[in-house]
């Protein structure tokens, strides 16, 4: 039997079409795990907390995004890069809602 990885929520698609729900789910889960500060400015997260946050976040990224951001080891930097890349979608999707 294949070893299937269990996701807490759907991985961020490279197109960013699910970014709004993904970012909310990721923030909630990181907070629940006690890792919410790892994606905030001037945080005092330990190396272990940062590593756990990176493992969790990368686990919920599309494979192509994992490869693209392969060299990033800080969850805050990854979070900012994804925000810069996809945050503009709020302006596209929210007015239609």
Protein backbone atom coordinates (compact mmCIF):
# COMPACT_ATOMS: atom_id res chain seq x y z
CA UNK A 1 0.00 0.00 0.00
CA UNK A 2 1.31 3.44 -0.92
CA UNK A 3 2.30 5.81 1.84
CA UNK A 4 0.02 8.79 1.24
CA UNK A 5 0.91 12.13 2.81
CA UNK A 6 -1.92 13.65 4.78
CA UNK A 7 -2.48 17.35 4.17
CA UNK A 8 -4.18 19.56 6.72
CA UNK A 9 -5.39 21.71 3.80
CA UNK A 10 -4.82 21.97 0.04
CA UNK A 11 -1.33 22.96 -1.11
CA UNK A 12 -0.82 26.40 -2.63
CA UNK A 13 -1.23 26.10 -6.38
CA UNK A 14 1.50 27.66 -8.53
CA UNK A 15 -1.15 29.78 -10.30
CA UNK A 16 -2.11 31.25 -6.94
CA UNK A 17 -5.81 30.63 -7.54
CA UNK A 18 -6.21 29.33 -3.98
CA UNK A 19 -3.83 31.84 -2.31
CA UNK A 20 -6.48 33.63 -0.25
CA UNK A 21 -7.79 30.48 1.39
CA UNK A 22 -4.29 28.98 1.62
CA UNK A 23 -2.81 31.95 3.47
CA UNK A 24 -5.69 31.96 5.97
CA UNK A 25 -5.39 28.20 6.54
CA UNK A 26 -1.61 28.40 6.88
CA UNK A 27 -1.78 31.24 9.43
CA UNK A 28 -4.40 29.43 11.50
CA UNK A 29 -2.46 26.16 11.50
CA UNK A 30 0.86 27.83 12.32
CA UNK A 31 -0.81 29.67 15.23
CA UNK A 32 -2.37 26.42 16.47
CA UNK A 33 1.05 24.77 16.35
CA UNK A 34 2.59 27.65 18.32
CA UNK A 35 4.58 28.76 15.28
CA UNK A 36 2.60 31.85 14.27
CA UNK A 37 5.38 34.23 15.27
CA UNK A 38 7.77 32.66 12.75
CA UNK A 39 6.04 34.59 9.94
CA UNK A 40 5.97 37.95 11.75
CA UNK A 41 8.51 40.77 11.62
CA UNK A 42 11.08 40.99 14.43
CA UNK A 43 10.13 37.59 15.79
CA UNK A 44 12.21 35.76 18.36
CA UNK A 45 11.56 32.30 17.02
CA UNK A 46 14.16 29.67 17.73
CA UNK A 47 15.96 27.76 14.98
CA UNK A 48 13.82 24.73 15.78
CA UNK A 49 10.58 26.73 15.49
CA UNK A 50 11.73 28.18 12.17
CA UNK A 51 12.61 24.72 10.90
CA UNK A 52 9.21 23.33 11.94
CA UNK A 53 7.43 26.25 10.28
CA UNK A 54 9.44 25.72 7.07
CA UNK A 55 8.67 22.00 7.02
CA UNK A 56 4.98 22.69 7.51
CA UNK A 57 4.82 25.51 4.95
CA UNK A 58 6.81 23.66 2.28
CA UNK A 59 4.61 20.60 2.84
CA UNK A 60 1.67 22.75 1.69
CA UNK A 61 3.24 24.15 -1.49
CA UNK A 62 2.90 22.97 -5.06
CA UNK A 63 5.98 20.97 -6.16
CA UNK A 64 7.02 23.69 -8.61
CA UNK A 65 6.90 26.31 -5.83
CA UNK A 66 9.01 24.07 -3.60
CA UNK A 67 11.66 23.93 -6.29
CA UNK A 68 11.48 27.66 -7.00
CA UNK A 69 11.96 28.58 -3.33
CA UNK A 70 14.36 25.73 -2.57
CA UNK A 71 17.15 27.90 -1.17
CA UNK A 72 14.99 29.83 1.31
CA UNK A 73 15.38 28.57 4.87
CA UNK A 74 13.61 31.33 6.82
CA UNK A 75 9.81 31.06 7.04
CA UNK A 76 9.40 34.84 7.22
CA UNK A 77 11.30 35.35 3.97
CA UNK A 78 9.30 32.60 2.26
CA UNK A 79 6.06 34.11 3.59
CA UNK A 80 7.01 37.57 2.27
CA UNK A 81 8.02 36.18 -1.13
CA UNK A 82 4.72 34.34 -1.52
CA UNK A 83 2.81 37.43 -0.39
CA UNK A 84 4.66 39.59 -2.92
CA UNK A 85 3.96 37.06 -5.64
CA UNK A 86 0.26 36.43 -4.96
CA UNK A 87 -1.15 39.20 -2.73
CA UNK A 88 -2.26 41.23 -5.74
CA UNK A 89 -4.91 38.57 -6.33
CA UNK A 90 -6.94 40.09 -3.49
CA UNK A 91 -7.62 43.06 -5.74
CA UNK A 92 -8.72 40.76 -8.54
CA UNK A 93 -10.92 38.32 -6.60
CA UNK A 94 -12.37 40.36 -3.73
CA UNK A 95 -14.18 43.01 -5.84
CA UNK A 96 -15.92 40.22 -7.74
CA UNK A 97 -17.18 38.76 -4.48
